[in-house]
Amino acid sequence: MMLGFSPDMMQQAWSLAQVTTVAAAAGWTADRLLDPGIHTRGIPLLAGLLGLVLGPQLAQTTGWPSGPEVAGYPLAAAFAGALAVCAFLKLAHLATAAGSRR
C-alpha cells in the first residue's frame, strides 16, 4: 500500500491549483480595473472565488456564452462574477464614505 503519489490525488491537487489560479487572476484583474477602495489583503482572491460561484449563475441567467473552461470553471463567467463582486464592494465603500445626510 503506497500512500504517496497516487494519480487520483495528484489530479485533484492539479485541479485545485488551476481553480485557485483562475480565481486569483480574475479577482486581481477585476480589483485593478474597478479599485473598490477596500485595501485589505485577500480581497482580490475573495472576489475571484466568489466570482467563480456567481459568474456561471449570472451567465446562465442572462444567456451569455460561458467561454472556455479551466478545470470545469468558465473563464469569462468567472471574470464577470469577479467584476460584479468588485462593483458591489465599490458601491459599499462609496456608501460608507458618503456617511449619513442628516
PDB file of N, CA and C in Angstrom:
ATOM      1  N   MET A   1       0.841  -1.179   0.000  1.00  0.00           N
ATOM      2  CA  MET A   1       0.000   0.000   0.000  1.00  0.00           C
ATOM      3  C   MET A   1       0.888   1.245   0.000  1.00  0.00           C
ATOM      4  N   MET A   2       0.803   1.983  -1.095  1.00  0.00           N
ATOM      5  CA  MET A   2       1.615   3.178  -1.235  1.00  0.00           C
ATOM      6  C   MET A   2       0.744   4.405  -0.952  1.00  0.00           C
ATOM      7  N   LEU A   3       1.175   5.241  -0.037  1.00  0.00           N
ATOM      8  CA  LEU A   3       0.381   6.395   0.365  1.00  0.00           C
ATOM      9  C   LEU A   3       0.820   7.688  -0.304  1.00  0.00           C
ATOM     10  N   GLY A   4       1.898   7.684  -1.032  1.00  0.00           N
ATOM     11  CA  GLY A   4       2.483   8.905  -1.567  1.00  0.00           C
ATOM     12  C   GLY A   4       1.735   9.527  -2.717  1.00  0.00           C
ATOM     13  N   PHE A   5       2.181   9.293  -3.905  1.00  0.00           N
ATOM     14  CA  PHE A   5       1.706   9.998  -5.090  1.00  0.00           C
ATOM     15  C   PHE A   5       0.739   9.145  -5.884  1.00  0.00           C
ATOM     16  N   SER A   6      -0.492   9.068  -5.451  1.00  0.00           N
ATOM     17  CA  SER A   6      -1.490   8.357  -6.243  1.00  0.00           C
ATOM     18  C   SER A   6      -1.959   9.283  -7.366  1.00  0.00           C
ATOM     19  N   PRO A   7      -2.278   8.726  -8.524  1.00  0.00           N
ATOM     20  CA  PRO A   7      -2.703   9.577  -9.654  1.00  0.00           C
ATOM     21  C   PRO A   7      -3.977  10.367  -9.356  1.00  0.00           C
ATOM     22  N   ASP A   8      -4.889   9.778  -8.587  1.00  0.00           N
ATOM     23  CA  ASP A   8      -6.131  10.478  -8.275  1.00  0.00           C
ATOM     24  C   ASP A   8      -5.864  11.699  -7.393  1.00  0.00           C
ATOM     25  N   MET A   9      -4.980  11.548  -6.416  1.00  0.00           N
ATOM     26  CA  MET A   9      -4.663  12.665  -5.537  1.00  0.00           C
ATOM     27  C   MET A   9      -3.935  13.765  -6.307  1.00  0.00           C
ATOM     28  N   MET A  10      -3.051  13.391  -7.198  1.00  0.00           N
ATOM     29  CA  MET A  10      -2.335  14.393  -7.993  1.00  0.00           C
ATOM     30  C   MET A  10      -3.282  15.111  -8.949  1.00  0.00           C
ATOM     31  N   GLN A  11      -4.276  14.405  -9.490  1.00  0.00           N
ATOM     32  CA  GLN A  11      -5.265  15.033 -10.365  1.00  0.00           C
ATOM     33  C   GLN A  11      -6.093  16.058  -9.587  1.00  0.00           C
ATOM     34  N   GLN A  12      -6.478  15.720  -8.368  1.00  0.00           N
ATOM     35  CA  GLN A  12      -7.234  16.652  -7.541  1.00  0.00           C
ATOM     36  C   GLN A  12      -6.387  17.865  -7.149  1.00  0.00           C
ATOM     37  N   ALA A  13      -5.127  17.639  -6.840  1.00  0.00           N
ATOM     38  CA  ALA A  13      -4.238  18.752  -6.495  1.00  0.00           C
ATOM     39  C   ALA A  13      -4.034  19.668  -7.704  1.00  0.00           C
ATOM     40  N   TRP A  14      -3.875  19.103  -8.890  1.00  0.00           N
ATOM     41  CA  TRP A  14      -3.697  19.891 -10.108  1.00  0.00           C
ATOM     42  C   TRP A  14      -4.960  20.689 -10.412  1.00  0.00           C
ATOM     43  N   SER A  15      -6.138  20.086 -10.220  1.00  0.00           N
ATOM     44  CA  SER A  15      -7.398  20.781 -10.441  1.00  0.00           C
ATOM     45  C   SER A  15      -7.566  21.932  -9.449  1.00  0.00           C
ATOM     46  N   LEU A  16      -7.203  21.720  -8.183  1.00  0.00           N
ATOM     47  CA  LEU A  16      -7.275  22.773  -7.181  1.00  0.00           C
ATOM     48  C   LEU A  16      -6.316  23.921  -7.509  1.00  0.00           C
ATOM     49  N   ALA A  17      -5.135  23.598  -8.000  1.00  0.00           N
ATOM     50  CA  ALA A  17      -4.172  24.634  -8.382  1.00  0.00           C
ATOM     51  C   ALA A  17      -4.697  25.453  -9.558  1.00  0.00           C
ATOM     52  N   GLN A  18      -5.345  24.806 -10.517  1.00  0.00           N
ATOM     53  CA  GLN A  18      -5.901  25.525 -11.655  1.00  0.00           C
ATOM     54  C   GLN A  18      -7.037  26.452 -11.232  1.00  0.00           C
ATOM     55  N   VAL A  19      -7.928  25.956 -10.378  1.00  0.00           N
ATOM     56  CA  VAL A  19      -9.056  26.771  -9.929  1.00  0.00           C
ATOM     57  C   VAL A  19      -8.564  27.973  -9.124  1.00  0.00           C
ATOM     58  N   THR A  20      -7.579  27.758  -8.269  1.00  0.00           N
ATOM     59  CA  THR A  20      -7.029  28.852  -7.474  1.00  0.00           C
ATOM     60  C   THR A  20      -6.368  29.897  -8.367  1.00  0.00           C
ATOM     61  N   THR A  21      -5.664  29.451  -9.388  1.00  0.00           N
ATOM     62  CA  THR A  21      -5.018  30.380 -10.320  1.00  0.00           C
ATOM     63  C   THR A  21      -6.045  31.192 -11.096  1.00  0.00           C
ATOM     64  N   VAL A  22      -7.103  30.535 -11.562  1.00  0.00           N
ATOM     65  CA  VAL A  22      -8.159  31.247 -12.287  1.00  0.00           C
ATOM     66  C   VAL A  22      -8.834  32.268 -11.375  1.00  0.00           C
ATOM     67  N   ALA A  23      -9.134  31.875 -10.142  1.00  0.00           N
ATOM     68  CA  ALA A  23      -9.785  32.795  -9.201  1.00  0.00           C
ATOM     69  C   ALA A  23      -8.882  33.975  -8.872  1.00  0.00           C
ATOM     70  N   ALA A  24      -7.601  33.711  -8.647  1.00  0.00           N
ATOM     71  CA  ALA A  24      -6.670  34.796  -8.314  1.00  0.00           C
ATOM     72  C   ALA A  24      -6.506  35.757  -9.488  1.00  0.00           C
ATOM     73  N   ALA A  25      -6.398  35.220 -10.689  1.00  0.00           N
ATOM     74  CA  ALA A  25      -6.228  36.086 -11.865  1.00  0.00           C
ATOM     75  C   ALA A  25      -7.477  36.916 -12.137  1.00  0.00           C
ATOM     76  N   ALA A  26      -8.644  36.309 -12.053  1.00  0.00           N
ATOM     77  CA  ALA A  26      -9.892  37.042 -12.298  1.00  0.00           C
ATOM     78  C   ALA A  26     -10.110  38.102 -11.221  1.00  0.00           C
ATOM     79  N   GLY A  27      -9.868  37.751  -9.965  1.00  0.00           N
ATOM     80  CA  GLY A  27     -10.059  38.704  -8.878  1.00  0.00           C
ATOM     81  C   GLY A  27      -9.063  39.846  -8.917  1.00  0.00           C
ATOM     82  N   TRP A  28      -7.807  39.532  -9.230  1.00  0.00           N
ATOM     83  CA  TRP A  28      -6.788  40.579  -9.290  1.00  0.00           C
ATOM     84  C   TRP A  28      -7.088  41.557 -10.423  1.00  0.00           C
ATOM     85  N   THR A  29      -7.500  41.030 -11.585  1.00  0.00           N
ATOM     86  CA  THR A  29      -7.806  41.895 -12.725  1.00  0.00           C
ATOM     87  C   THR A  29      -9.020  42.769 -12.431  1.00  0.00           C
ATOM     88  N   ALA A  30     -10.055  42.180 -11.853  1.00  0.00           N
ATOM     89  CA  ALA A  30     -11.248  42.959 -11.521  1.00  0.00           C
ATOM     90  C   ALA A  30     -10.933  44.018 -10.463  1.00  0.00           C
ATOM     91  N   ASP A  31     -10.089  43.662  -9.498  1.00  0.00           N
ATOM     92  CA  ASP A  31      -9.704  44.621  -8.458  1.00  0.00           C
ATOM     93  C   ASP A  31      -8.917  45.783  -9.049  1.00  0.00           C
ATOM     94  N   ARG A  32      -8.036  45.506  -9.995  1.00  0.00           N
ATOM     95  CA  ARG A  32      -7.250  46.569 -10.633  1.00  0.00           C
ATOM     96  C   ARG A  32      -8.109  47.451 -11.525  1.00  0.00           C
ATOM     97  N   LEU A  33      -9.101  46.859 -12.198  1.00  0.00           N
ATOM     98  CA  LEU A  33      -9.946  47.641 -13.102  1.00  0.00           C
ATOM     99  C   LEU A  33     -10.900  48.565 -12.344  1.00  0.00           C
ATOM    100  N   LEU A  34     -11.518  48.056 -11.290  1.00  0.00           N
ATOM    101  CA  LEU A  34     -12.553  48.838 -10.603  1.00  0.00           C
ATOM    102  C   LEU A  34     -12.056  49.564  -9.363  1.00  0.00           C
ATOM    103  N   ASP A  35     -10.982  49.101  -8.736  1.00  0.00           N
ATOM    104  CA  ASP A  35     -10.448  49.673  -7.499  1.00  0.00           C
ATOM    105  C   ASP A  35     -11.568  49.932  -6.496  1.00  0.00           C
ATOM    106  N   PRO A  36     -12.026  48.867  -5.807  1.00  0.00           N
ATOM    107  CA  PRO A  36     -13.155  49.030  -4.897  1.00  0.00           C
ATOM    108  C   PRO A  36     -12.885  49.937  -3.713  1.00  0.00           C
ATOM    109  N   GLY A  37     -11.647  50.303  -3.446  1.00  0.00           N
ATOM    110  CA  GLY A  37     -11.344  51.219  -2.361  1.00  0.00           C
ATOM    111  C   GLY A  37     -11.114  50.539  -1.028  1.00  0.00           C
ATOM    112  N   ILE A  38     -11.287  49.240  -0.972  1.00  0.00           N
ATOM    113  CA  ILE A  38     -11.049  48.481   0.249  1.00  0.00           C
ATOM    114  C   ILE A  38      -9.676  47.849   0.106  1.00  0.00           C
ATOM    115  N   HIS A  39      -8.717  48.322   0.881  1.00  0.00           N
ATOM    116  CA  HIS A  39      -7.348  47.853   0.746  1.00  0.00           C
ATOM    117  C   HIS A  39      -7.027  46.873   1.861  1.00  0.00           C
ATOM    118  N   THR A  40      -7.581  45.680   1.739  1.00  0.00           N
ATOM    119  CA  THR A  40      -7.359  44.608   2.688  1.00  0.00           C
ATOM    120  C   THR A  40      -6.743  43.436   1.949  1.00  0.00           C
ATOM    121  N   ARG A  41      -5.807  42.795   2.591  1.00  0.00           N
ATOM    122  CA  ARG A  41      -5.152  41.646   1.976  1.00  0.00           C
ATOM    123  C   ARG A  41      -6.173  40.535   1.740  1.00  0.00           C
ATOM    124  N   GLY A  42      -6.182  39.976   0.548  1.00  0.00           N
ATOM    125  CA  GLY A  42      -7.052  38.856   0.240  1.00  0.00           C
ATOM    126  C   GLY A  42      -8.330  39.221  -0.482  1.00  0.00           C
ATOM    127  N   ILE A  43      -8.614  40.498  -0.658  1.00  0.00           N
ATOM    128  CA  ILE A  43      -9.840  40.904  -1.343  1.00  0.00           C
ATOM    129  C   ILE A  43      -9.848  40.437  -2.803  1.00  0.00           C
ATOM    130  N   PRO A  44      -8.756  40.544  -3.559  1.00  0.00           N
ATOM    131  CA  PRO A  44      -8.799  40.044  -4.935  1.00  0.00           C
ATOM    132  C   PRO A  44      -9.066  38.540  -5.021  1.00  0.00           C
ATOM    133  N   LEU A  45      -8.456  37.764  -4.144  1.00  0.00           N
ATOM    134  CA  LEU A  45      -8.699  36.324  -4.164  1.00  0.00           C
ATOM    135  C   LEU A  45     -10.132  36.014  -3.756  1.00  0.00           C
ATOM    136  N   LEU A  46     -10.656  36.722  -2.762  1.00  0.00           N
ATOM    137  CA  LEU A  46     -12.033  36.533  -2.347  1.00  0.00           C
ATOM    138  C   LEU A  46     -12.998  36.903  -3.468  1.00  0.00           C
ATOM    139  N   ALA A  47     -12.726  37.999  -4.159  1.00  0.00           N
ATOM    140  CA  ALA A  47     -13.576  38.395  -5.280  1.00  0.00           C
ATOM    141  C   ALA A  47     -13.518  37.351  -6.390  1.00  0.00           C
ATOM    142  N   GLY A  48     -12.340  36.791  -6.626  1.00  0.00           N
ATOM    143  CA  GLY A  48     -12.219  35.754  -7.645  1.00  0.00           C
ATOM    144  C   GLY A  48     -12.939  34.481  -7.273  1.00  0.00           C
ATOM    145  N   LEU A  49     -12.850  34.066  -6.012  1.00  0.00           N
ATOM    146  CA  LEU A  49     -13.544  32.853  -5.576  1.00  0.00           C
ATOM    147  C   LEU A  49     -15.056  33.037  -5.607  1.00  0.00           C
ATOM    148  N   LEU A  50     -15.534  34.190  -5.172  1.00  0.00           N
ATOM    149  CA  LEU A  50     -16.970  34.453  -5.269  1.00  0.00           C
ATOM    150  C   LEU A  50     -17.403  34.591  -6.728  1.00  0.00           C
ATOM    151  N   GLY A  51     -16.502  35.107  -7.568  1.00  0.00           N
ATOM    152  CA  GLY A  51     -16.798  35.202  -8.993  1.00  0.00           C
ATOM    153  C   GLY A  51     -16.917  33.841  -9.653  1.00  0.00           C
ATOM    154  N   LEU A  52     -16.146  32.864  -9.154  1.00  0.00           N
ATOM    155  CA  LEU A  52     -16.266  31.506  -9.683  1.00  0.00           C
ATOM    156  C   LEU A  52     -17.630  30.911  -9.383  1.00  0.00           C
ATOM    157  N   VAL A  53     -18.208  31.293  -8.264  1.00  0.00           N
ATOM    158  CA  VAL A  53     -19.527  30.780  -7.901  1.00  0.00           C
ATOM    159  C   VAL A  53     -20.633  31.600  -8.559  1.00  0.00           C
ATOM    160  N   LEU A  54     -20.493  32.920  -8.521  1.00  0.00           N
ATOM    161  CA  LEU A  54     -21.518  33.818  -9.020  1.00  0.00           C
ATOM    162  C   LEU A  54     -21.535  33.903 -10.548  1.00  0.00           C
ATOM    163  N   GLY A  55     -20.377  33.831 -11.177  1.00  0.00           N
ATOM    164  CA  GLY A  55     -20.273  34.017 -12.627  1.00  0.00           C
ATOM    165  C   GLY A  55     -21.058  33.029 -13.464  1.00  0.00           C
ATOM    166  N   PRO A  56     -20.907  31.719 -13.248  1.00  0.00           N
ATOM    167  CA  PRO A  56     -21.695  30.777 -14.056  1.00  0.00           C
ATOM    168  C   PRO A  56     -23.201  30.934 -13.868  1.00  0.00           C
ATOM    169  N   GLN A  57     -23.636  31.273 -12.657  1.00  0.00           N
ATOM    170  CA  GLN A  57     -25.064  31.508 -12.447  1.00  0.00           C
ATOM    171  C   GLN A  57     -25.526  32.752 -13.191  1.00  0.00           C
ATOM    172  N   LEU A  58     -24.695  33.777 -13.193  1.00  0.00           N
ATOM    173  CA  LEU A  58     -25.002  35.001 -13.919  1.00  0.00           C
ATOM    174  C   LEU A  58     -25.065  34.744 -15.418  1.00  0.00           C
ATOM    175  N   ALA A  59     -24.125  33.947 -15.932  1.00  0.00           N
ATOM    176  CA  ALA A  59     -24.106  33.634 -17.362  1.00  0.00           C
ATOM    177  C   ALA A  59     -25.304  32.777 -17.761  1.00  0.00           C
ATOM    178  N   GLN A  60     -25.700  31.866 -16.905  1.00  0.00           N
ATOM    179  CA  GLN A  60     -26.848  31.019 -17.204  1.00  0.00           C
ATOM    180  C   GLN A  60     -28.140  31.832 -17.176  1.00  0.00           C
ATOM    181  N   THR A  61     -28.247  32.771 -16.251  1.00  0.00           N
ATOM    182  CA  THR A  61     -29.447  33.596 -16.136  1.00  0.00           C
ATOM    183  C   THR A  61     -29.594  34.527 -17.333  1.00  0.00           C
ATOM    184  N   THR A  62     -28.494  35.136 -17.752  1.00  0.00           N
ATOM    185  CA  THR A  62     -28.559  36.100 -18.849  1.00  0.00           C
ATOM    186  C   THR A  62     -28.474  35.454 -20.223  1.00  0.00           C
ATOM    187  N   GLY A  63     -28.013  34.211 -20.296  1.00  0.00           N
ATOM    188  CA  GLY A  63     -27.902  33.533 -21.576  1.00  0.00           C
ATOM    189  C   GLY A  63     -26.617  33.833 -22.320  1.00  0.00           C
ATOM    190  N   TRP A  64     -25.654  34.457 -21.650  1.00  0.00           N
ATOM    191  CA  TRP A  64     -24.371  34.742 -22.273  1.00  0.00           C
ATOM    192  C   TRP A  64     -23.587  33.453 -22.472  1.00  0.00           C
ATOM    193  N   PRO A  65     -22.732  33.403 -23.483  1.00  0.00           N
ATOM    194  CA  PRO A  65     -21.861  32.233 -23.606  1.00  0.00           C
ATOM    195  C   PRO A  65     -20.824  32.235 -22.476  1.00  0.00           C
ATOM    196  N   SER A  66     -20.543  31.054 -21.961  1.00  0.00           N
ATOM    197  CA  SER A  66     -19.647  30.987 -20.800  1.00  0.00           C
ATOM    198  C   SER A  66     -18.175  31.025 -21.189  1.00  0.00           C
ATOM    199  N   GLY A  67     -17.839  30.758 -22.433  1.00  0.00           N
ATOM    200  CA  GLY A  67     -16.454  30.839 -22.875  1.00  0.00           C
ATOM    201  C   GLY A  67     -15.658  29.590 -22.558  1.00  0.00           C
ATOM    202  N   PRO A  68     -14.351  29.665 -22.724  1.00  0.00           N
ATOM    203  CA  PRO A  68     -13.511  28.489 -22.458  1.00  0.00           C
ATOM    204  C   PRO A  68     -13.480  28.157 -20.964  1.00  0.00           C
ATOM    205  N   GLU A  69     -13.209  26.892 -20.669  1.00  0.00           N
ATOM    206  CA  GLU A  69     -13.209  26.439 -19.283  1.00  0.00           C
ATOM    207  C   GLU A  69     -11.835  25.959 -18.858  1.00  0.00           C
ATOM    208  N   VAL A  70     -11.516  26.188 -17.600  1.00  0.00           N
ATOM    209  CA  VAL A  70     -10.314  25.646 -16.972  1.00  0.00           C
ATOM    210  C   VAL A  70     -10.783  24.914 -15.728  1.00  0.00           C
ATOM    211  N   ALA A  71     -10.491  23.638 -15.646  1.00  0.00           N
ATOM    212  CA  ALA A  71     -10.873  22.786 -14.510  1.00  0.00           C
ATOM    213  C   ALA A  71     -12.378  22.802 -14.282  1.00  0.00           C
ATOM    214  N   GLY A  72     -13.148  22.936 -15.349  1.00  0.00           N
ATOM    215  CA  GLY A  72     -14.598  22.905 -15.236  1.00  0.00           C
ATOM    216  C   GLY A  72     -15.246  24.242 -14.926  1.00  0.00           C
ATOM    217  N   TYR A  73     -14.462  25.300 -14.782  1.00  0.00           N
ATOM    218  CA  TYR A  73     -14.999  26.629 -14.496  1.00  0.00           C
ATOM    219  C   TYR A  73     -14.783  27.539 -15.708  1.00  0.00           C
ATOM    220  N   PRO A  74     -15.834  28.196 -16.186  1.00  0.00           N
ATOM    221  CA  PRO A  74     -15.688  29.080 -17.350  1.00  0.00           C
ATOM    222  C   PRO A  74     -14.930  30.358 -16.997  1.00  0.00           C
ATOM    223  N   LEU A  75     -13.995  30.729 -17.848  1.00  0.00           N
ATOM    224  CA  LEU A  75     -13.143  31.897 -17.584  1.00  0.00           C
ATOM    225  C   LEU A  75     -13.905  33.211 -17.677  1.00  0.00           C
ATOM    226  N   ALA A  76     -14.674  33.388 -18.752  1.00  0.00           N
ATOM    227  CA  ALA A  76     -15.389  34.650 -18.938  1.00  0.00           C
ATOM    228  C   ALA A  76     -16.422  34.866 -17.840  1.00  0.00           C
ATOM    229  N   ALA A  77     -17.105  33.798 -17.457  1.00  0.00           N
ATOM    230  CA  ALA A  77     -18.111  33.917 -16.401  1.00  0.00           C
ATOM    231  C   ALA A  77     -17.450  34.214 -15.052  1.00  0.00           C
ATOM    232  N   ALA A  78     -16.290  33.608 -14.798  1.00  0.00           N
ATOM    233  CA  ALA A  78     -15.573  33.889 -13.543  1.00  0.00           C
ATOM    234  C   ALA A  78     -15.133  35.340 -13.492  1.00  0.00           C
ATOM    235  N   PHE A  79     -14.664  35.875 -14.613  1.00  0.00           N
ATOM    236  CA  PHE A  79     -14.249  37.276 -14.656  1.00  0.00           C
ATOM    237  C   PHE A  79     -15.446  38.202 -14.473  1.00  0.00           C
ATOM    238  N   ALA A  80     -16.585  37.876 -15.102  1.00  0.00           N
ATOM    239  CA  ALA A  80     -17.788  38.691 -14.935  1.00  0.00           C
ATOM    240  C   ALA A  80     -18.278  38.655 -13.494  1.00  0.00           C
ATOM    241  N   GLY A  81     -18.197  37.507 -12.859  1.00  0.00           N
ATOM    242  CA  GLY A  81     -18.587  37.407 -11.454  1.00  0.00           C
ATOM    243  C   GLY A  81     -17.662  38.196 -10.552  1.00  0.00           C
ATOM    244  N   ALA A  82     -16.352  38.155 -10.823  1.00  0.00           N
ATOM    245  CA  ALA A  82     -15.398  38.934 -10.033  1.00  0.00           C
ATOM    246  C   ALA A  82     -15.633  40.430 -10.224  1.00  0.00           C
ATOM    247  N   LEU A  83     -15.985  40.837 -11.433  1.00  0.00           N
ATOM    248  CA  LEU A  83     -16.320  42.249 -11.667  1.00  0.00           C
ATOM    249  C   LEU A  83     -17.568  42.646 -10.880  1.00  0.00           C
ATOM    250  N   ALA A  84     -18.550  41.753 -10.819  1.00  0.00           N
ATOM    251  CA  ALA A  84     -19.772  42.046 -10.068  1.00  0.00           C
ATOM    252  C   ALA A  84     -19.468  42.187  -8.580  1.00  0.00           C
ATOM    253  N   VAL A  85     -18.624  41.320  -8.053  1.00  0.00           N
ATOM    254  CA  VAL A  85     -18.256  41.395  -6.635  1.00  0.00           C
ATOM    255  C   VAL A  85     -17.502  42.689  -6.351  1.00  0.00           C
ATOM    256  N   CYS A  86     -16.537  43.046  -7.203  1.00  0.00           N
ATOM    257  CA  CYS A  86     -15.776  44.287  -7.001  1.00  0.00           C
ATOM    258  C   CYS A  86     -16.659  45.520  -7.159  1.00  0.00           C
ATOM    259  N   ALA A  87     -17.637  45.459  -8.063  1.00  0.00           N
ATOM    260  CA  ALA A  87     -18.566  46.587  -8.212  1.00  0.00           C
ATOM    261  C   ALA A  87     -19.416  46.750  -6.963  1.00  0.00           C
ATOM    262  N   PHE A  88     -19.861  45.635  -6.386  1.00  0.00           N
ATOM    263  CA  PHE A  88     -20.618  45.705  -5.140  1.00  0.00           C
ATOM    264  C   PHE A  88     -19.768  46.276  -4.010  1.00  0.00           C
ATOM    265  N   LEU A  89     -18.505  45.845  -3.921  1.00  0.00           N
ATOM    266  CA  LEU A  89     -17.616  46.372  -2.887  1.00  0.00           C
ATOM    267  C   LEU A  89     -17.356  47.863  -3.082  1.00  0.00           C
ATOM    268  N   LYS A  90     -17.239  48.299  -4.335  1.00  0.00           N
ATOM    269  CA  LYS A  90     -17.019  49.720  -4.607  1.00  0.00           C
ATOM    270  C   LYS A  90     -18.240  50.538  -4.194  1.00  0.00           C
ATOM    271  N   LEU A  91     -19.444  50.036  -4.496  1.00  0.00           N
ATOM    272  CA  LEU A  91     -20.652  50.743  -4.083  1.00  0.00           C
ATOM    273  C   LEU A  91     -20.771  50.788  -2.561  1.00  0.00           C
ATOM    274  N   ALA A  92     -20.416  49.707  -1.890  1.00  0.00           N
ATOM    275  CA  ALA A  92     -20.460  49.696  -0.425  1.00  0.00           C
ATOM    276  C   ALA A  92     -19.457  50.680   0.156  1.00  0.00           C
ATOM    277  N   HIS A  93     -18.278  50.766  -0.442  1.00  0.00           N
ATOM    278  CA  HIS A  93     -17.267  51.711   0.036  1.00  0.00           C
ATOM    279  C   HIS A  93     -17.720  53.158  -0.187  1.00  0.00           C
ATOM    280  N   LEU A  94     -18.319  53.433  -1.347  1.00  0.00           N
ATOM    281  CA  LEU A  94     -18.812  54.787  -1.607  1.00  0.00           C
ATOM    282  C   LEU A  94     -19.949  55.158  -0.662  1.00  0.00           C
ATOM    283  N   ALA A  95     -20.789  54.187  -0.307  1.00  0.00           N
ATOM    284  CA  ALA A  95     -21.891  54.459   0.617  1.00  0.00           C
ATOM    285  C   ALA A  95     -21.381  54.773   2.011  1.00  0.00           C
ATOM    286  N   THR A  96     -20.348  54.064   2.454  1.00  0.00           N
ATOM    287  CA  THR A  96     -19.816  54.352   3.782  1.00  0.00           C
ATOM    288  C   THR A  96     -19.008  55.641   3.796  1.00  0.00           C
ATOM    289  N   ALA A  97     -18.391  55.992   2.672  1.00  0.00           N
ATOM    290  CA  ALA A  97     -17.625  57.225   2.599  1.00  0.00           C
ATOM    291  C   ALA A  97     -18.527  58.446   2.618  1.00  0.00           C
ATOM    292  N   ALA A  98     -19.717  58.320   2.049  1.00  0.00           N
ATOM    293  CA  ALA A  98     -20.633  59.446   1.996  1.00  0.00           C
ATOM    294  C   ALA A  98     -21.219  59.743   3.373  1.00  0.00           C
ATOM    295  N   GLY A  99     -21.433  58.716   4.169  1.00  0.00           N
ATOM    296  CA  GLY A  99     -21.991  58.921   5.507  1.00  0.00           C
ATOM    297  C   GLY A  99     -23.469  59.262   5.451  1.00  0.00           C
ATOM    298  N   SER A 100     -23.980  59.646   6.576  1.00  0.00           N
ATOM    299  CA  SER A 100     -25.415  59.984   6.611  1.00  0.00           C
ATOM    300  C   SER A 100     -25.593  61.443   6.183  1.00  0.00           C
ATOM    301  N   ARG A 101     -26.749  61.750   5.682  1.00  0.00           N
ATOM    302  CA  ARG A 101     -27.030  63.085   5.141  1.00  0.00           C
ATOM    303  C   ARG A 101     -27.893  63.917   6.089  1.00  0.00           C
ATOM    304  N   ARG A 102     -27.791  63.692   7.363  1.00  0.00           N
ATOM    305  CA  ARG A 102     -28.626  64.473   8.299  1.00  0.00           C
ATOM    306  C   ARG A 102     -27.981  65.741   8.698  1.00  0.00           C
TER     307      ARG A 102
END
